[in-house]
C-alpha atoms as a PDB file:
ATOM      1  CA  ILE A   1       6.860 -24.595  21.824  1.00  0.00           C
ATOM      2  CA  ASP A   2       7.878 -23.963  25.296  1.00  0.00           C
ATOM      3  CA  LEU A   3       8.413 -20.392  26.297  1.00  0.00           C
ATOM      4  CA  SER A   4      10.519 -21.478  29.417  1.00  0.00           C
ATOM      5  CA  SER A   5      13.127 -23.273  27.409  1.00  0.00           C
ATOM      6  CA  PRO A   6      14.228 -23.315  23.779  1.00  0.00           C
ATOM      7  CA  ARG A   7      12.710 -26.298  22.024  1.00  0.00           C
ATOM      8  CA  GLY A   8      10.455 -26.143  18.960  1.00  0.00           C
ATOM      9  CA  TYR A   9      10.593 -22.837  16.980  1.00  0.00           C
ATOM     10  CA  TYR A  10       7.587 -20.468  16.876  1.00  0.00           C
ATOM     11  CA  LEU A  11       6.883 -21.018  13.183  1.00  0.00           C
ATOM     12  CA  ASP A  12       6.657 -24.572  11.755  1.00  0.00           C
ATOM     13  CA  TYR A  13       9.440 -25.232   9.475  1.00  0.00           C
ATOM     14  CA  SER A  14       9.121 -28.913   9.578  1.00  0.00           C
ATOM     15  CA  GLY A  15       8.208 -29.121   5.827  1.00  0.00           C
ATOM     16  CA  LEU A  16      11.662 -27.731   5.154  1.00  0.00           C
ATOM     17  CA  GLY A  17      13.216 -30.399   7.406  1.00  0.00           C
ATOM     18  CA  GLU A  18      11.235 -33.033   5.591  1.00  0.00           C
ATOM     19  CA  ARG A  19      11.883 -31.982   1.916  1.00  0.00           C
ATOM     20  CA  GLY A  20      14.612 -29.553   2.422  1.00  0.00           C
ATOM     21  CA  PRO A  21      15.644 -26.825  -0.082  1.00  0.00           C
ATOM     22  CA  GLU A  22      18.281 -27.350  -2.854  1.00  0.00           C
ATOM     23  CA  SER A  23      21.570 -28.507  -1.235  1.00  0.00           C
ATOM     24  CA  ASP A  24      25.180 -28.914  -1.989  1.00  0.00           C
ATOM     25  CA  ALA A  25      27.135 -32.145  -2.055  1.00  0.00           C
ATOM     26  CA  ALA A  26      27.521 -31.924   1.776  1.00  0.00           C
ATOM     27  CA  GLY A  27      23.804 -31.550   2.241  1.00  0.00           C
ATOM     28  CA  VAL A  28      23.973 -27.924   3.237  1.00  0.00           C
ATOM     29  CA  PRO A  29      21.023 -25.907   1.682  1.00  0.00           C
ATOM     30  CA  VAL A  30      21.879 -23.308  -1.050  1.00  0.00           C
ATOM     31  CA  ALA A  31      20.036 -20.513  -2.753  1.00  0.00           C
ATOM     32  CA  ARG A  32      19.909 -19.422  -6.431  1.00  0.00           C
ATOM     33  CA  VAL A  33      21.643 -16.090  -6.888  1.00  0.00           C
ATOM     34  CA  ARG A  34      21.252 -13.389  -9.529  1.00  0.00           C
ATOM     35  CA  GLY A  35      23.262 -14.048 -12.703  1.00  0.00           C
ATOM     36  CA  GLY A  36      23.281 -17.866 -12.142  1.00  0.00           C
ATOM     37  CA  GLY A  37      24.852 -20.318  -9.726  1.00  0.00           C
ATOM     38  CA  THR A  38      24.072 -20.893  -6.145  1.00  0.00           C
ATOM     39  CA  GLY A  39      25.462 -19.756  -2.715  1.00  0.00           C
ATOM     40  CA  HIS A  40      24.893 -20.627   0.925  1.00  0.00           C
ATOM     41  CA  ALA A  41      22.026 -18.639   2.344  1.00  0.00           C
ATOM     42  CA  PRO A  42      22.015 -18.551   6.155  1.00  0.00           C
ATOM     43  CA  SER A  43      18.219 -18.365   6.313  1.00  0.00           C
ATOM     44  CA  HIS A  44      17.884 -21.550   4.272  1.00  0.00           C
ATOM     45  CA  VAL A  45      20.433 -23.326   6.605  1.00  0.00           C
ATOM     46  CA  ALA A  46      18.654 -22.119   9.700  1.00  0.00           C
ATOM     47  CA  ARG A  47      15.065 -23.125   8.610  1.00  0.00           C
ATOM     48  CA  ALA A  48      16.273 -26.527   7.492  1.00  0.00           C
ATOM     49  CA  ALA A  49      17.930 -26.987  10.956  1.00  0.00           C
ATOM     50  CA  LEU A  50      14.706 -25.751  12.742  1.00  0.00           C
ATOM     51  CA  GLY A  51      12.603 -27.912  10.600  1.00  0.00           C
ATOM     52  CA  SER A  52      14.802 -31.036  11.280  1.00  0.00           C
ATOM     53  CA  LEU A  53      14.578 -30.239  15.016  1.00  0.00           C
ATOM     54  CA  GLU A  54      10.770 -30.028  14.867  1.00  0.00           C
ATOM     55  CA  LEU A  55      10.528 -33.403  13.272  1.00  0.00           C
ATOM     56  CA  TYR A  56      12.954 -34.885  15.851  1.00  0.00           C
ATOM     57  CA  LEU A  57      10.923 -33.475  18.773  1.00  0.00           C
ATOM     58  CA  ASN A  58       7.762 -34.930  17.108  1.00  0.00           C
ATOM     59  CA  ASN A  59       8.935 -38.476  16.372  1.00  0.00           C
ATOM     60  CA  GLY A  60      12.395 -39.037  17.913  1.00  0.00           C
ATOM     61  CA  ASN A  61      14.001 -39.842  14.625  1.00  0.00           C
ATOM     62  CA  PRO A  62      17.805 -39.794  15.319  1.00  0.00           C
ATOM     63  CA  ALA A  63      18.515 -38.944  11.683  1.00  0.00           C
ATOM     64  CA  ARG A  64      16.598 -35.593  12.201  1.00  0.00           C
ATOM     65  CA  ARG A  65      18.609 -34.894  15.273  1.00  0.00           C
ATOM     66  CA  ASP A  66      21.812 -35.625  13.432  1.00  0.00           C
ATOM     67  CA  ARG A  67      20.801 -33.227  10.654  1.00  0.00           C
ATOM     68  CA  PHE A  68      19.936 -30.523  13.131  1.00  0.00           C
ATOM     69  CA  GLU A  69      23.359 -30.919  14.866  1.00  0.00           C
ATOM     70  CA  SER A  70      25.142 -31.043  11.389  1.00  0.00           C
ATOM     71  CA  LEU A  71      23.522 -27.730  10.177  1.00  0.00           C
ATOM     72  CA  ALA A  72      24.112 -26.063  13.651  1.00  0.00           C
ATOM     73  CA  GLY A  73      27.772 -27.130  13.326  1.00  0.00           C
ATOM     74  CA  TRP A  74      27.863 -25.635   9.912  1.00  0.00           C
ATOM     75  CA  LEU A  75      26.634 -22.248  11.229  1.00  0.00           C
ATOM     76  CA  VAL A  76      29.330 -22.308  14.030  1.00  0.00           C
ATOM     77  CA  ARG A  77      32.066 -23.140  11.547  1.00  0.00           C
ATOM     78  CA  HIS A  78      31.036 -20.568   8.948  1.00  0.00           C
ATOM     79  CA  MET A  79      30.279 -17.561  11.175  1.00  0.00           C
ATOM     80  CA  GLU A  80      32.157 -14.445   9.877  1.00  0.00           C
ATOM     81  CA  VAL A  81      33.651 -12.626  12.811  1.00  0.00           C
ATOM     82  CA  LEU A  82      34.086  -8.849  12.325  1.00  0.00           C
ATOM     83  CA  PRO A  83      37.300  -7.639  14.120  1.00  0.00           C
ATOM     84  CA  GLY A  84      36.378  -5.964  17.279  1.00  0.00           C
ATOM     85  CA  SER A  85      32.727  -6.432  16.618  1.00  0.00           C
ATOM     86  CA  PHE A  86      30.091  -9.213  16.164  1.00  0.00           C
ATOM     87  CA  GLY A  87      29.810 -12.290  14.151  1.00  0.00           C
ATOM     88  CA  GLY A  88      27.337 -13.208  11.541  1.00  0.00           C
ATOM     89  CA  TRP A  89      26.475 -14.894   8.218  1.00  0.00           C
ATOM     90  CA  SER A  90      26.479 -12.915   5.079  1.00  0.00           C
ATOM     91  CA  MET A  91      23.764 -13.182   2.460  1.00  0.00           C
ATOM     92  CA  PRO A  92      24.776 -14.628  -1.044  1.00  0.00           C
ATOM     93  CA  ASP A  93      23.032 -11.961  -2.993  1.00  0.00           C
ATOM     94  CA  VAL A  94      21.852  -8.307  -2.711  1.00  0.00           C
ATOM     95  CA  PRO A  95      18.124  -7.535  -3.624  1.00  0.00           C
ATOM     96  CA  ARG A  96      18.042  -5.858  -7.000  1.00  0.00           C
ATOM     97  CA  SER A  97      16.151  -2.839  -5.721  1.00  0.00           C
ATOM     98  CA  LEU A  98      18.786  -2.239  -3.000  1.00  0.00           C
ATOM     99  CA  GLY A  99      21.835  -2.865  -5.193  1.00  0.00           C
ATOM    100  CA  GLY A 100      23.037   0.636  -4.677  1.00  0.00           C
ATOM    101  CA  GLU A 101      22.297   0.676  -0.933  1.00  0.00           C
ATOM    102  CA  LEU A 102      23.489  -2.634   0.472  1.00  0.00           C
ATOM    103  CA  ARG A 103      27.006  -3.922  -0.032  1.00  0.00           C
ATOM    104  CA  GLN A 104      27.772  -7.463  -1.082  1.00  0.00           C
ATOM    105  CA  GLY A 105      27.900  -9.717   1.915  1.00  0.00           C
ATOM    106  CA  TRP A 106      25.246  -7.841   3.859  1.00  0.00           C
ATOM    107  CA  PHE A 107      23.678  -9.200   7.014  1.00  0.00           C
ATOM    108  CA  SER A 108      19.927  -9.973   7.104  1.00  0.00           C
ATOM    109  CA  ALA A 109      18.123  -9.575  10.362  1.00  0.00           C
ATOM    110  CA  THR A 110      15.779 -12.460   9.682  1.00  0.00           C
ATOM    111  CA  ALA A 111      18.539 -14.758   8.805  1.00  0.00           C
ATOM    112  CA  HIS A 112      20.694 -13.561  11.780  1.00  0.00           C
ATOM    113  CA  ALA A 113      17.695 -14.100  14.189  1.00  0.00           C
ATOM    114  CA  GLU A 114      16.959 -17.637  12.942  1.00  0.00           C
ATOM    115  CA  CYS A 115      20.573 -18.563  13.035  1.00  0.00           C
ATOM    116  CA  VAL A 116      20.793 -17.440  16.641  1.00  0.00           C
ATOM    117  CA  SER A 117      17.681 -19.419  17.559  1.00  0.00           C
ATOM    118  CA  VAL A 118      19.259 -22.594  15.961  1.00  0.00           C
ATOM    119  CA  LEU A 119      22.560 -22.096  17.983  1.00  0.00           C
ATOM    120  CA  VAL A 120      20.663 -21.548  21.301  1.00  0.00           C
ATOM    121  CA  ARG A 121      18.689 -24.624  20.781  1.00  0.00           C
ATOM    122  CA  ALA A 122      21.857 -26.566  19.902  1.00  0.00           C
ATOM    123  CA  ALA A 123      23.433 -25.287  22.992  1.00  0.00           C
ATOM    124  CA  ALA A 124      20.363 -26.153  25.140  1.00  0.00           C
ATOM    125  CA  LEU A 125      19.490 -29.531  23.694  1.00  0.00           C
ATOM    126  CA  LEU A 126      22.904 -30.786  22.674  1.00  0.00           C
ATOM    127  CA  SER A 127      25.071 -29.222  25.297  1.00  0.00           C
ATOM    128  CA  ASN A 128      27.150 -27.611  22.558  1.00  0.00           C
ATOM    129  CA  GLY A 129      29.373 -25.041  24.121  1.00  0.00           C
ATOM    130  CA  GLU A 130      30.621 -23.923  20.771  1.00  0.00           C
ATOM    131  CA  ALA A 131      27.128 -23.055  19.682  1.00  0.00           C
ATOM    132  CA  LEU A 132      26.552 -21.041  22.753  1.00  0.00           C
ATOM    133  CA  ASP A 133      29.835 -19.079  22.249  1.00  0.00           C
ATOM    134  CA  ALA A 134      28.804 -18.465  18.605  1.00  0.00           C
ATOM    135  CA  ALA A 135      25.388 -17.134  19.781  1.00  0.00           C
ATOM    136  CA  LYS A 136      27.000 -14.795  22.142  1.00  0.00           C
ATOM    137  CA  ARG A 137      29.093 -13.334  19.308  1.00  0.00           C
ATOM    138  CA  ALA A 138      26.041 -13.172  17.020  1.00  0.00           C
ATOM    139  CA  VAL A 139      23.877 -11.268  19.547  1.00  0.00           C
ATOM    140  CA  GLY A 140      26.369  -8.434  19.190  1.00  0.00           C
ATOM    141  CA  ALA A 141      24.771  -7.542  15.948  1.00  0.00           C
ATOM    142  CA  PHE A 142      21.516  -6.715  17.669  1.00  0.00           C
ATOM    143  CA  HIS A 143      23.535  -4.196  19.847  1.00  0.00           C
ATOM    144  CA  THR A 144      25.264  -2.637  16.916  1.00  0.00           C
ATOM    145  CA  PRO A 145      23.639   0.322  15.263  1.00  0.00           C
ATOM    146  CA  VAL A 146      23.041   0.104  11.452  1.00  0.00           C
ATOM    147  CA  GLN A 147      25.422   2.979  10.880  1.00  0.00           C
ATOM    148  CA  ASP A 148      28.216   0.866  12.302  1.00  0.00           C
ATOM    149  CA  GLY A 149      27.417  -2.257  10.387  1.00  0.00           C
ATOM    150  CA  GLY A 150      24.879  -3.843  12.689  1.00  0.00           C
ATOM    151  CA  LEU A 151      21.227  -4.398  12.678  1.00  0.00           C
ATOM    152  CA  LEU A 152      19.855  -1.844  15.205  1.00  0.00           C
ATOM    153  CA  ARG A 153      17.873   1.114  14.098  1.00  0.00           C
ATOM    154  CA  GLU A 154      17.867   3.675  16.955  1.00  0.00           C
ATOM    155  CA  VAL A 155      15.938   6.888  17.388  1.00  0.00           C
ATOM    156  CA  GLY A 156      17.069   9.288  20.044  1.00  0.00           C
ATOM    157  CA  ASP A 157      18.996   8.494  23.223  1.00  0.00           C
ATOM    158  CA  PRO A 158      19.353   4.889  23.865  1.00  0.00           C
ATOM    159  CA  GLY A 159      19.202   5.382  27.570  1.00  0.00           C
ATOM    160  CA  ASP A 160      15.745   7.029  27.373  1.00  0.00           C
ATOM    161  CA  GLU A 161      12.697   5.113  28.570  1.00  0.00           C
ATOM    162  CA  GLY A 162       9.473   5.077  26.419  1.00  0.00           C
ATOM    163  CA  GLY A 163       8.149   7.151  23.553  1.00  0.00           C
ATOM    164  CA  LEU A 164       9.818   7.930  20.262  1.00  0.00           C
ATOM    165  CA  SER A 165      13.172   8.812  22.148  1.00  0.00           C
ATOM    166  CA  SER A 166      13.445   5.196  22.949  1.00  0.00           C
ATOM    167  CA  LEU A 167      12.635   3.641  19.567  1.00  0.00           C
ATOM    168  CA  ALA A 168      14.868   0.668  18.747  1.00  0.00           C
ATOM    169  CA  PHE A 169      14.104  -1.511  15.821  1.00  0.00           C
ATOM    170  CA  CYS A 170      15.967  -4.538  14.164  1.00  0.00           C
ATOM    171  CA  GLU A 171      16.443  -3.876  10.416  1.00  0.00           C
ATOM    172  CA  GLU A 172      16.094  -6.560   7.826  1.00  0.00           C
ATOM    173  CA  TYR A 173      17.828  -4.290   5.279  1.00  0.00           C
ATOM    174  CA  PRO A 174      20.406  -2.397   7.318  1.00  0.00           C
ATOM    175  CA  VAL A 175      20.561   0.707   5.189  1.00  0.00           C
ATOM    176  CA  PRO A 176      21.862   3.919   6.850  1.00  0.00           C
ATOM    177  CA  ASP A 177      19.211   6.799   6.895  1.00  0.00           C
ATOM    178  CA  MET A 178      16.495   4.462   5.326  1.00  0.00           C
ATOM    179  CA  PRO A 179      14.214   2.935   8.003  1.00  0.00           C
ATOM    180  CA  ILE A 180      12.587   0.138   5.980  1.00  0.00           C
ATOM    181  CA  MET A 181      11.531  -1.628   9.296  1.00  0.00           C
ATOM    182  CA  VAL A 182      10.133  -5.088   8.228  1.00  0.00           C
ATOM    183  CA  LEU A 183       7.722  -6.405  10.898  1.00  0.00           C
ATOM    184  CA  THR A 184       8.396 -10.077  10.779  1.00  0.00           C
ATOM    185  CA  SER A 185      12.083  -9.528  10.725  1.00  0.00           C
ATOM    186  CA  HIS A 186      12.006  -7.347  13.967  1.00  0.00           C
ATOM    187  CA  ILE A 187       9.730 -10.018  15.672  1.00  0.00           C
ATOM    188  CA  LYS A 188      12.120 -12.828  14.890  1.00  0.00           C
ATOM    189  CA  CYS A 189      14.921 -10.761  16.339  1.00  0.00           C
ATOM    190  CA  LEU A 190      12.904 -10.374  19.601  1.00  0.00           C
ATOM    191  CA  TRP A 191      12.314 -14.133  19.654  1.00  0.00           C
ATOM    192  CA  ALA A 192      16.092 -14.719  19.183  1.00  0.00           C
ATOM    193  CA  LEU A 193      16.980 -12.280  22.008  1.00  0.00           C
ATOM    194  CA  SER A 194      14.344 -14.007  24.228  1.00  0.00           C
ATOM    195  CA  ASP A 195      15.737 -17.479  23.370  1.00  0.00           C
ATOM    196  CA  TYR A 196      19.175 -16.232  24.222  1.00  0.00           C
ATOM    197  CA  LEU A 197      18.209 -14.797  27.609  1.00  0.00           C
ATOM    198  CA  LEU A 198      16.792 -18.150  28.591  1.00  0.00           C
ATOM    199  CA  LEU A 199      20.267 -19.486  28.630  1.00  0.00           C
ATOM    200  CA  VAL A 200      22.484 -16.475  29.384  1.00  0.00           C
ATOM    201  CA  ASP A 201      22.109 -13.924  32.179  1.00  0.00           C
ATOM    202  CA  ASP A 202      22.907 -10.824  30.218  1.00  0.00           C
ATOM    203  CA  HIS A 203      21.685  -7.550  31.641  1.00  0.00           C
ATOM    204  CA  GLY A 204      22.496  -5.426  28.583  1.00  0.00           C
ATOM    205  CA  THR A 205      20.739  -7.752  26.168  1.00  0.00           C
ATOM    206  CA  SER A 206      17.727  -7.844  28.530  1.00  0.00           C
ATOM    207  CA  ILE A 207      17.573  -3.984  28.383  1.00  0.00           C
ATOM    208  CA  LEU A 208      17.880  -4.183  24.592  1.00  0.00           C
ATOM    209  CA  LEU A 209      15.022  -6.699  24.372  1.00  0.00           C
ATOM    210  CA  ASP A 210      12.785  -4.334  26.554  1.00  0.00           C
ATOM    211  CA  ARG A 211      13.731  -1.344  24.301  1.00  0.00           C
ATOM    212  CA  CYS A 212      12.976  -3.273  21.074  1.00  0.00           C
ATOM    213  CA  VAL A 213       9.622  -4.342  22.390  1.00  0.00           C
ATOM    214  CA  ARG A 214       8.780  -0.701  23.373  1.00  0.00           C
ATOM    215  CA  GLY A 215       9.908   0.359  19.910  1.00  0.00           C
ATOM    216  CA  LEU A 216       7.481  -2.101  18.300  1.00  0.00           C
ATOM    217  CA  VAL A 217       4.634  -1.071  20.490  1.00  0.00           C
ATOM    218  CA  PHE A 218       5.233   2.606  19.572  1.00  0.00           C
ATOM    219  CA  VAL A 219       5.196   2.074  15.820  1.00  0.00           C
ATOM    220  CA  LEU A 220       2.707  -0.918  15.658  1.00  0.00           C
ATOM    221  CA  ASP A 221      -0.327   1.212  14.655  1.00  0.00           C
ATOM    222  CA  ARG A 222       1.823   2.236  11.439  1.00  0.00           C
ATOM    223  CA  PHE A 223       1.497  -1.466  10.354  1.00  0.00           C
ATOM    224  CA  ASP A 224      -2.373  -1.364  10.642  1.00  0.00           C
ATOM    225  CA  LEU A 225      -4.402  -0.028   7.768  1.00  0.00           C
ATOM    226  CA  GLY A 226      -7.532  -0.273   9.681  1.00  0.00           C
ATOM    227  CA  TYR A 227      -8.762  -3.282   7.751  1.00  0.00           C
ATOM    228  CA  TRP A 228      -5.494  -5.222   7.118  1.00  0.00           C
ATOM    229  CA  SER A 229      -1.702  -5.297   7.927  1.00  0.00           C
ATOM    230  CA  VAL A 230       1.386  -4.112   5.925  1.00  0.00           C
ATOM    231  CA  GLY A 231       4.673  -5.746   5.997  1.00  0.00           C
ATOM    232  CA  ASP A 232       7.102  -2.838   6.323  1.00  0.00           C
ATOM    233  CA  LEU A 233       7.317   0.992   6.739  1.00  0.00           C
ATOM    234  CA  ASP A 234       9.704   1.547   3.663  1.00  0.00           C
ATOM    235  CA  PRO A 235       9.422   5.396   3.091  1.00  0.00           C
ATOM    236  CA  ARG A 236       9.836   4.920  -0.548  1.00  0.00           C
ATOM    237  CA  ARG A 237       6.508   3.104  -1.038  1.00  0.00           C
ATOM    238  CA  ARG A 238       4.211   5.244  -3.051  1.00  0.00           C
ATOM    239  CA  ARG A 239       1.123   3.461  -1.797  1.00  0.00           C
ATOM    240  CA  PRO A 240       0.607   1.190   1.318  1.00  0.00           C
ATOM    241  CA  CYS A 241       0.643  -2.485   0.315  1.00  0.00           C
ATOM    242  CA  PRO A 242      -1.493  -4.896   2.267  1.00  0.00           C
ATOM    243  CA  VAL A 243       0.260  -8.174   2.670  1.00  0.00           C
ATOM    244  CA  ARG A 244      -1.020 -11.391   1.295  1.00  0.00           C
ATOM    245  CA  ARG A 245      -3.505 -13.353   3.488  1.00  0.00           C
ATOM    246  CA  THR A 246      -1.072 -16.000   4.609  1.00  0.00           C
ATOM    247  CA  ARG A 247       1.385 -13.244   5.703  1.00  0.00           C
ATOM    248  CA  HIS A 248      -1.318 -11.325   7.516  1.00  0.00           C
ATOM    249  CA  HIS A 249      -2.285 -14.594   9.329  1.00  0.00           C
ATOM    250  CA  THR A 250       1.359 -14.914  10.249  1.00  0.00           C
ATOM    251  CA  HIS A 251       1.607 -11.391  11.490  1.00  0.00           C
ATOM    252  CA  ALA A 252      -1.105 -12.206  14.061  1.00  0.00           C
ATOM    253  CA  LEU A 253       0.371 -15.314  15.094  1.00  0.00           C
ATOM    254  CA  MET A 254       3.825 -13.842  15.531  1.00  0.00           C
ATOM    255  CA  LEU A 255       2.414 -10.986  17.619  1.00  0.00           C
ATOM    256  CA  ASP A 256       0.514 -13.422  19.752  1.00  0.00           C
ATOM    257  CA  VAL A 257       3.705 -15.488  20.463  1.00  0.00           C
ATOM    258  CA  LEU A 258       5.476 -12.216  21.322  1.00  0.00           C
ATOM    259  CA  HIS A 259       2.666 -11.199  23.612  1.00  0.00           C
ATOM    260  CA  ARG A 260       2.865 -14.401  25.490  1.00  0.00           C
ATOM    261  CA  MET A 261       6.719 -13.861  25.838  1.00  0.00           C
ATOM    262  CA  THR A 262       6.606 -10.191  26.929  1.00  0.00           C
ATOM    263  CA  ARG A 263       3.010  -9.740  28.329  1.00  0.00           C
ATOM    264  CA  ALA A 264       2.854  -6.384  26.422  1.00  0.00           C
ATOM    265  CA  PRO A 265      -0.962  -5.901  26.179  1.00  0.00           C
ATOM    266  CA  GLU A 266      -0.784  -3.861  22.929  1.00  0.00           C
ATOM    267  CA  LEU A 267       0.616  -6.818  21.171  1.00  0.00           C
ATOM    268  CA  GLY A 268      -2.129  -9.206  22.196  1.00  0.00           C
ATOM    269  CA  GLU A 269      -4.787  -6.520  21.294  1.00  0.00           C
ATOM    270  CA  THR A 270      -3.360  -6.074  17.880  1.00  0.00           C
ATOM    271  CA  ALA A 271      -3.116  -9.773  17.191  1.00  0.00           C
ATOM    272  CA  ARG A 272      -6.822 -10.165  18.124  1.00  0.00           C
ATOM    273  CA  ARG A 273      -7.750  -7.146  15.883  1.00  0.00           C
ATOM    274  CA  TRP A 274      -5.890  -8.580  12.961  1.00  0.00           C
ATOM    275  CA  ARG A 275      -7.478 -11.968  13.289  1.00  0.00           C
ATOM    276  CA  ALA A 276     -10.903 -10.132  13.140  1.00  0.00           C
ATOM    277  CA  TYR A 277      -9.849  -8.478   9.898  1.00  0.00           C
ATOM    278  CA  GLU A 278      -9.035 -11.864   8.406  1.00  0.00           C
ATOM    279  CA  ARG A 279     -12.388 -13.225   9.406  1.00  0.00           C
ATOM    280  CA  ASP A 280     -14.176 -10.289   7.613  1.00  0.00           C
ATOM    281  CA  PRO A 281     -14.877 -11.038   3.976  1.00  0.00           C
ATOM    282  CA  ARG A 282     -15.145  -7.259   3.083  1.00  0.00           C
ATOM    283  CA  ALA A 283     -11.792  -6.715   4.630  1.00  0.00           C
ATOM    284  CA  ARG A 284     -10.350  -9.702   2.685  1.00  0.00           C
ATOM    285  CA  MET A 285     -11.663  -8.395  -0.641  1.00  0.00           C
ATOM    286  CA  ARG A 286     -10.449  -4.853   0.141  1.00  0.00           C
ATOM    287  CA  ALA A 287      -7.058  -6.117   0.940  1.00  0.00           C
ATOM    288  CA  ARG A 288      -6.765  -7.978  -2.334  1.00  0.00           C
ATOM    289  CA  LEU A 289      -7.888  -5.052  -4.258  1.00  0.00           C
ATOM    290  CA  GLU A 290      -5.550  -2.570  -2.560  1.00  0.00           C
ATOM    291  CA  ARG A 291      -2.677  -4.956  -2.956  1.00  0.00           C
ATOM    292  CA  ALA A 292      -3.144  -5.044  -6.659  1.00  0.00           C
ATOM    293  CA  PHE A 293      -3.082  -1.324  -6.867  1.00  0.00           C
ATOM    294  CA  ALA A 294      -0.273  -1.001  -4.574  1.00  0.00           C
ATOM    295  CA  THR A 295       1.847  -3.637  -6.219  1.00  0.00           C
ATOM    296  CA  PHE A 296       1.557  -1.659  -9.552  1.00  0.00           C
ATOM    297  CA  ALA A 297       2.342   1.572  -7.783  1.00  0.00           C
ATOM    298  CA  ASN A 298       5.421   0.242  -5.965  1.00  0.00           C
ATOM    299  CA  VAL A 299       7.205  -1.587  -8.877  1.00  0.00           C
ATOM    300  CA  GLY A 300      10.944  -1.809  -8.128  1.00  0.00           C
ATOM    301  CA  LEU A 301      10.849  -1.832  -4.398  1.00  0.00           C
ATOM    302  CA  PRO A 302      11.812  -4.901  -2.471  1.00  0.00           C
ATOM    303  CA  ALA A 303       9.285  -7.584  -1.550  1.00  0.00           C
ATOM    304  CA  VAL A 304       8.751  -8.304   2.165  1.00  0.00           C
ATOM    305  CA  PRO A 305      10.841 -11.326   3.063  1.00  0.00           C
ATOM    306  CA  ASP A 306       9.390 -14.691   4.255  1.00  0.00           C
END
């Protein structure tokens, strides 16, 4: 990865570029939906694109470059533009546990962020102006409050600086009045905003990125159980649920990357502490046991997304 220009992504999706998920006749990844059949899932498309780019950057195989370019073009052509608002890519299915809260065709912060990161790389590496235009429209979702159909959870006056009054968080599940606050989704949105700002001089987005970093720093201790990490702050959870070891490892890695981007010391300190948890056999055992109890207690609530 290169923090001064958008090249390789910050998580390694090269396995998806090599194997690829299930695809349609045109080679575009699809996902299984509840009730049978398949639908285009923007997160699958974005990860296959990022994985293909990773392989191309590693070995220069032009077929991988062509696949990246093809999938980036698919995202440009299939962006849904909301009149007077932003553009995005709807999810093919609604999580069963949120069937009464999310409408069909909802927007996922994880998928949206990864799609923006694909488009920014297509713009930078392929000089694709259409991709940059699409990225500009998509970034509007991060500026738009959840209550207005966007991805931004805000607490207090957006103009305030620091503390709870300045809390801004990008929501994986944009349900009004239900702050689920998935950690990995928020960080991927910050990565996408940072990628975008490498190409576009956008003062408003720069302010938003700063507010979202401050928001993460303010709530970060709530993701820390003192021996392991949790994946979200869903207020409906009846018992805190430690994440799996692979997810905990990813949490630390993602915070470390974000620390290198923003230089916020709290992010680096938390990443180091969470790595120490992972090295501690007693913490690993406790996390496994607590996860088993919590999984039983929280039956019916959404799983943390990959």
